[in-house]
């Protein structure tokens, strides 16, 4: 009897949690998410660089462990963002409920490109534009240099994807590896190569150099060549 009672109790808890996740029972809204201190949470992997992501990285539910950010078209949001958070340059567009009413802020959604970026002429399937502001905030992210490539590469298509680490106020072009179209792993290595050869602590993206901004230095991005 005791084991049966335990199973029944466990099943009741499961049903309650399932109802909350599906948006059918919001009775737990008044109870905030309880997370232990980050130093007590074991993150696997510990370093964001060990993750194999389609896009960038973000923090998990408790804002302690690095996880892959959701890319365009993937599900996001939900209770405490249990479905994940969107990559830089994307927003989680919440889905309306079955009655067509506007969804709650913590309902499920889909990661979509913001209207502002689409109006700038950036194709919606491209990564965020490689602006100085974006790359200062996201120095290791993949971005689109479609109108600021130092040398456009045919194999990188319309987006001209590169890494923010390969963007700077114009300098001589370094010798780094070549990458296939949307080979983001190779592009990240390309960005590290450019950073290693060209970047010092007083130059963007290591650190924004105000002298370049004042002097009107042209912001350009190196795009990996074709193999």
Protein backbone atom coordinates (compact mmCIF):
# COMPACT_ATOMS: atom_id res chain seq x y z
CA UNK A 1 0.00 0.00 0.00
CA UNK A 2 2.83 2.37 0.89
CA UNK A 3 4.51 1.96 -2.51
CA UNK A 4 1.16 2.48 -4.26
CA UNK A 5 0.60 5.73 -2.35
CA UNK A 6 4.06 6.98 -3.28
CA UNK A 7 3.43 6.19 -6.95
CA UNK A 8 0.10 7.99 -6.84
CA UNK A 9 1.67 11.04 -5.23
CA UNK A 10 4.46 11.11 -7.79
CA UNK A 11 1.95 10.83 -10.63
CA UNK A 12 -0.09 13.70 -9.20
CA UNK A 13 2.99 15.91 -9.11
CA UNK A 14 3.76 14.96 -12.72
CA UNK A 15 0.23 15.87 -13.85
CA UNK A 16 0.45 19.22 -12.06
CA UNK A 17 3.77 20.07 -13.68
CA UNK A 18 2.57 18.93 -17.10
CA UNK A 19 -0.50 21.14 -16.80
CA UNK A 20 1.61 24.15 -15.87
CA UNK A 21 4.01 23.60 -18.76
CA UNK A 22 1.14 23.36 -21.25
CA UNK A 23 -0.40 26.57 -20.00
CA UNK A 24 -3.50 24.82 -18.61
CA UNK A 25 -2.85 25.59 -14.94
CA UNK A 26 -1.13 28.80 -13.94
CA UNK A 27 -1.73 28.37 -10.21
CA UNK A 28 2.04 28.33 -9.61
CA UNK A 29 2.52 31.82 -11.13
CA UNK A 30 2.76 33.41 -7.71
CA UNK A 31 5.69 31.13 -6.81
CA UNK A 32 9.00 32.39 -8.27
CA UNK A 33 11.61 30.04 -9.67
CA UNK A 34 13.88 28.82 -6.87
CA UNK A 35 17.49 28.30 -7.96
CA UNK A 36 20.50 27.42 -5.80
CA UNK A 37 23.59 29.67 -5.99
CA UNK A 38 25.47 29.24 -9.27
CA UNK A 39 28.54 27.88 -7.48
CA UNK A 40 26.42 24.91 -6.35
CA UNK A 41 25.20 24.09 -9.86
CA UNK A 42 27.24 21.66 -11.99
CA UNK A 43 27.30 22.92 -15.58
CA UNK A 44 28.08 20.45 -18.35
CA UNK A 45 30.06 21.54 -20.21
CA UNK A 46 31.51 24.20 -17.92
CA UNK A 47 32.76 26.38 -20.78
CA UNK A 48 30.52 27.85 -23.47
CA UNK A 49 33.29 27.24 -26.01
CA UNK A 50 32.74 23.47 -25.60
CA UNK A 51 29.14 23.69 -26.84
CA UNK A 52 28.40 22.79 -30.46
CA UNK A 53 25.71 25.32 -31.31
CA UNK A 54 24.03 26.33 -34.55
CA UNK A 55 24.22 29.93 -33.35
CA UNK A 56 25.44 31.72 -30.25
CA UNK A 57 25.16 30.86 -26.58
CA UNK A 58 23.06 32.17 -23.73
CA UNK A 59 22.35 31.21 -20.11
CA UNK A 60 19.96 28.49 -18.95
CA UNK A 61 16.89 28.75 -16.73
CA UNK A 62 18.82 29.72 -13.59
CA UNK A 63 21.17 32.08 -15.49
CA UNK A 64 24.19 30.04 -14.41
CA UNK A 65 25.10 27.53 -17.14
CA UNK A 66 25.85 28.32 -20.77
CA UNK A 67 23.49 26.70 -23.27
CA UNK A 68 22.93 26.99 -27.01
CA UNK A 69 20.70 29.89 -27.97
CA UNK A 70 17.73 29.07 -30.18
CA UNK A 71 18.10 30.08 -33.83
CA UNK A 72 15.45 31.44 -36.17
CA UNK A 73 12.41 29.17 -36.50
CA UNK A 74 13.08 27.20 -33.30
CA UNK A 75 10.73 27.09 -30.30
CA UNK A 76 11.47 29.39 -27.38
CA UNK A 77 9.99 30.77 -24.17
CA UNK A 78 7.55 28.87 -22.02
CA UNK A 79 7.45 28.83 -18.25
CA UNK A 80 10.78 30.27 -17.05
CA UNK A 81 12.00 30.04 -20.68
CA UNK A 82 12.22 26.26 -20.35
CA UNK A 83 12.14 25.97 -24.16
CA UNK A 84 15.19 28.21 -24.44
CA UNK A 85 16.15 31.79 -25.27
CA UNK A 86 16.66 33.23 -28.74
CA UNK A 87 20.02 34.05 -30.30
CA UNK A 88 21.21 37.66 -30.60
CA UNK A 89 19.18 39.60 -33.15
CA UNK A 90 16.11 37.39 -32.70
CA UNK A 91 13.00 37.81 -30.58
CA UNK A 92 10.68 35.17 -29.17
CA UNK A 93 7.32 35.84 -30.83
CA UNK A 94 4.67 34.43 -28.52
CA UNK A 95 1.93 32.28 -30.00
CA UNK A 96 -1.74 33.21 -29.48
CA UNK A 97 -3.86 30.78 -27.51
CA UNK A 98 -6.63 28.58 -28.95
CA UNK A 99 -9.08 31.51 -28.75
CA UNK A 100 -6.77 33.81 -30.71
CA UNK A 101 -6.07 35.94 -27.63
CA UNK A 102 -2.65 37.46 -27.01
CA UNK A 103 -0.45 35.04 -25.13
CA UNK A 104 1.04 35.45 -21.69
CA UNK A 105 4.64 36.78 -21.51
CA UNK A 106 5.78 33.31 -20.40
CA UNK A 107 3.96 31.34 -23.09
CA UNK A 108 5.66 29.40 -25.89
CA UNK A 109 6.89 31.12 -29.03
CA UNK A 110 9.12 30.96 -32.11
CA UNK A 111 12.43 32.81 -32.59
CA UNK A 112 12.06 35.36 -35.38
CA UNK A 113 14.14 38.15 -36.88
CA UNK A 114 13.12 41.57 -35.58
CA UNK A 115 11.27 43.90 -37.97
CA UNK A 116 13.98 46.53 -37.51
CA UNK A 117 16.62 44.26 -39.04
CA UNK A 118 14.35 43.25 -41.92
CA UNK A 119 13.73 46.93 -42.73
CA UNK A 120 17.49 47.53 -42.92
CA UNK A 121 17.62 45.22 -45.94
CA UNK A 122 19.18 42.26 -44.14
CA UNK A 123 17.70 39.01 -45.54
CA UNK A 124 15.69 37.32 -42.79
CA UNK A 125 17.70 34.09 -43.06
CA UNK A 126 20.98 35.92 -42.31
CA UNK A 127 22.57 36.27 -38.89
CA UNK A 128 22.49 39.73 -37.23
CA UNK A 129 24.37 42.51 -38.99
CA UNK A 130 28.04 42.96 -37.98
CA UNK A 131 27.68 46.48 -36.60
CA UNK A 132 30.28 47.84 -34.13
CA UNK A 133 27.55 47.95 -31.48
CA UNK A 134 26.51 44.32 -32.03
CA UNK A 135 30.10 43.06 -32.08
CA UNK A 136 31.07 45.01 -28.98
CA UNK A 137 28.21 43.30 -27.10
CA UNK A 138 28.75 39.89 -28.79
CA UNK A 139 32.48 39.70 -29.69
CA UNK A 140 32.44 35.98 -30.59
CA UNK A 141 29.09 35.77 -32.39
CA UNK A 142 28.49 34.85 -36.03
CA UNK A 143 27.17 37.88 -37.90
CA UNK A 144 26.37 39.08 -41.42
CA UNK A 145 28.84 41.39 -43.19
CA UNK A 146 26.71 41.61 -46.32
CA UNK A 147 27.36 45.35 -46.79
CA UNK A 148 30.63 45.73 -44.85
CA UNK A 149 32.79 42.86 -46.07
CA UNK A 150 36.40 43.86 -46.73
CA UNK A 151 36.40 41.38 -49.63
CA UNK A 152 33.15 39.62 -50.57
CA UNK A 153 33.44 35.85 -50.99
CA UNK A 154 31.12 34.15 -53.50
CA UNK A 155 30.90 30.94 -51.43
CA UNK A 156 29.50 32.85 -48.44
CA UNK A 157 26.42 33.90 -50.43
CA UNK A 158 24.30 36.98 -49.86
CA UNK A 159 24.74 37.00 -46.08
CA UNK A 160 28.56 37.03 -46.13
CA UNK A 161 28.63 35.34 -42.71
CA UNK A 162 31.71 35.86 -40.59
CA UNK A 163 32.63 36.20 -36.90
CA UNK A 164 32.56 39.45 -34.93
CA UNK A 165 36.14 38.58 -33.98
CA UNK A 166 37.06 39.25 -37.63
CA UNK A 167 35.58 42.77 -37.67
CA UNK A 168 37.55 45.92 -36.97
CA UNK A 169 38.43 49.36 -38.23
CA UNK A 170 40.19 48.61 -41.49
CA UNK A 171 43.66 46.99 -41.38
CA UNK A 172 45.72 44.78 -43.76
CA UNK A 173 44.12 41.40 -44.49
CA UNK A 174 45.64 38.46 -42.53
CA UNK A 175 46.23 34.96 -43.89
CA UNK A 176 43.61 32.70 -42.26
CA UNK A 177 41.78 29.47 -43.19
CA UNK A 178 39.05 29.30 -45.82
CA UNK A 179 35.50 28.14 -45.01
CA UNK A 180 32.54 26.58 -46.82
CA UNK A 181 29.16 28.34 -46.90
CA UNK A 182 27.66 28.59 -43.39
CA UNK A 183 30.40 26.37 -41.91
CA UNK A 184 30.04 28.18 -38.58
CA UNK A 185 32.62 26.04 -36.81
CA UNK A 186 35.23 26.99 -39.42
CA UNK A 187 34.07 30.63 -39.37
CA UNK A 188 34.62 30.79 -35.61
CA UNK A 189 38.17 29.48 -36.10
CA UNK A 190 38.64 32.09 -38.82
CA UNK A 191 37.53 34.80 -36.37
CA UNK A 192 39.98 33.57 -33.74
CA UNK A 193 42.75 33.61 -36.34
CA UNK A 194 42.03 37.23 -37.29
CA UNK A 195 41.77 38.21 -33.65
CA UNK A 196 45.07 36.50 -32.84
CA UNK A 197 46.90 38.19 -35.71
CA UNK A 198 45.33 41.64 -35.64
CA UNK A 199 43.80 42.34 -32.24
CA UNK A 200 45.55 44.00 -29.33
CA UNK A 201 43.99 45.07 -26.06
CA UNK A 202 43.35 48.61 -27.27
CA UNK A 203 41.62 47.58 -30.51
CA UNK A 204 38.07 46.41 -31.15
CA UNK A 205 36.80 43.78 -30.51
CA UNK A 206 39.20 43.45 -27.55
CA UNK A 207 38.27 46.97 -26.55
CA UNK A 208 36.56 49.78 -28.45
CA UNK A 209 39.16 52.32 -29.51
CA UNK A 210 37.49 55.77 -29.44
CA UNK A 211 40.29 57.26 -31.57
CA UNK A 212 39.14 55.23 -34.55
CA UNK A 213 35.56 56.41 -34.12
CA UNK A 214 36.58 60.07 -33.92
CA UNK A 215 38.91 59.82 -36.92
CA UNK A 216 36.16 58.18 -39.02
CA UNK A 217 37.97 54.87 -39.50
CA UNK A 218 35.93 52.54 -41.73
CA UNK A 219 34.40 49.54 -39.97
CA UNK A 220 34.97 46.42 -42.06
CA UNK A 221 34.78 42.66 -41.58
CA UNK A 222 36.99 39.95 -43.04
CA UNK A 223 34.93 37.12 -44.57
CA UNK A 224 36.47 33.62 -44.85
CA UNK A 225 37.53 32.74 -48.39
CA UNK A 226 36.37 29.76 -50.43
CA UNK A 227 38.26 26.43 -50.11
